[in-house]
Amino acid sequence: MQSKLIEALAVGELSWQDYANCRGADADLFFPERGASTRKAKAICAECQVRQECLEFAIQIGEKFGIWGGMSERERRKIRRERQLAARRAS
């Protein structure tokens, strides 16, 4: 299944969202109230075959809310900071 997914994405037939485990799930799980548990959303993400694509999408667009690719905004912010530091060191 994974190779068919990669092939379909490469030729632009489908987007990664078409394969997301969260498709059709209750959005409230992925956008919990402040202080609420993110455990269920992260469990759904953990089993998702397009988790990396989802995470990268959220990082690239600077998504400030919700669980994307199994990570919260705080976790994504850390990745963005690490990437910025690495880019500065490389230049």
Protein backbone atom coordinates (compact mmCIF):
# COMPACT_ATOMS: atom_id res chain seq x y z
CA MET A 1 0.00 0.00 0.00
CA GLN A 2 2.80 2.43 0.88
CA SER A 3 4.42 2.16 -2.58
CA LYS A 4 1.06 2.76 -4.30
CA LEU A 5 0.56 5.80 -2.07
CA ILE A 6 3.98 7.20 -2.93
CA GLU A 7 3.37 6.59 -6.63
CA ALA A 8 -0.06 8.28 -6.53
CA LEU A 9 1.34 11.27 -4.67
CA ALA A 10 4.24 11.55 -7.12
CA VAL A 11 1.96 11.81 -10.15
CA GLY A 12 -0.45 14.13 -8.38
CA GLU A 13 -3.44 11.77 -8.55
CA LEU A 14 -4.18 12.05 -4.86
CA SER A 15 -3.13 14.26 -2.03
CA TRP A 16 -1.77 12.98 1.25
CA GLN A 17 -5.04 14.04 2.93
CA ASP A 18 -6.87 11.30 1.03
CA TYR A 19 -4.94 8.73 3.09
CA ALA A 20 -5.04 10.42 6.49
CA ASN A 21 -6.34 8.38 9.42
CA CYS A 22 -8.11 11.46 10.74
CA ARG A 23 -10.24 11.83 7.63
CA GLY A 24 -13.83 11.75 8.85
CA ALA A 25 -12.80 11.73 12.52
CA ASP A 26 -14.18 14.20 15.03
CA ALA A 27 -12.18 17.40 14.47
CA ASP A 28 -12.57 18.29 18.15
CA LEU A 29 -10.07 15.53 18.94
CA PHE A 30 -7.42 17.36 16.91
CA PHE A 31 -8.33 20.84 18.13
CA PRO A 32 -8.89 20.31 21.86
CA GLU A 33 -9.68 23.04 24.34
CA ARG A 34 -6.68 24.46 26.16
CA GLY A 35 -5.46 21.94 28.73
CA ALA A 36 -7.53 19.06 27.33
CA SER A 37 -5.90 15.75 26.47
CA THR A 38 -4.35 15.23 23.05
CA ARG A 39 -3.78 11.53 23.66
CA LYS A 40 -6.55 10.23 21.34
CA ALA A 41 -5.53 12.49 18.47
CA LYS A 42 -1.88 11.54 18.82
CA ALA A 43 -2.83 7.84 18.90
CA ILE A 44 -4.69 8.23 15.60
CA CYS A 45 -1.70 10.04 14.12
CA ALA A 46 0.75 7.41 15.37
CA GLU A 47 -0.84 4.80 13.10
CA CYS A 48 -1.19 7.11 10.07
CA GLN A 49 0.75 6.39 6.88
CA VAL A 50 0.88 10.08 5.90
CA ARG A 51 1.93 11.40 9.29
CA GLN A 52 5.17 12.95 7.97
CA GLU A 53 3.39 14.72 5.11
CA CYS A 54 0.82 16.11 7.54
CA LEU A 55 3.47 17.30 9.96
CA GLU A 56 5.51 18.91 7.21
CA PHE A 57 2.41 20.66 5.85
CA ALA A 58 1.64 22.15 9.28
CA ILE A 59 5.26 23.25 9.77
CA GLN A 60 5.47 24.83 6.32
CA ILE A 61 2.26 26.83 6.63
CA GLY A 62 2.95 27.78 10.25
CA GLU A 63 -0.23 26.18 11.60
CA LYS A 64 -0.74 27.52 15.10
CA PHE A 65 -3.54 25.28 16.29
CA GLY A 66 -4.30 21.61 16.66
CA ILE A 67 -2.53 18.30 16.38
CA TRP A 68 -0.89 17.77 12.99
CA GLY A 69 1.31 14.79 12.21
CA GLY A 70 1.05 13.74 15.82
CA MET A 71 2.50 16.98 17.20
CA SER A 72 1.13 19.98 19.01
CA GLU A 73 1.92 23.58 18.11
CA ARG A 74 4.56 23.69 20.85
CA GLU A 75 6.26 20.61 19.41
CA ARG A 76 6.08 22.02 15.86
CA ARG A 77 7.48 25.37 17.03
CA LYS A 78 10.48 23.52 18.45
CA ILE A 79 11.09 21.82 15.09
CA ARG A 80 10.86 25.18 13.26
CA ARG A 81 13.37 26.73 15.69
CA GLU A 82 15.76 23.80 15.30
CA ARG A 83 15.54 24.07 11.52
CA GLN A 84 16.17 27.82 11.62
CA LEU A 85 19.24 27.33 13.81
CA ALA A 86 20.55 24.58 11.54
CA ALA A 87 20.04 26.80 8.47
CA ARG A 88 21.92 29.67 10.14
CA ARG A 89 24.80 27.37 11.03
CA ALA A 90 24.92 26.03 7.48
CA SER A 91 25.14 29.49 5.92
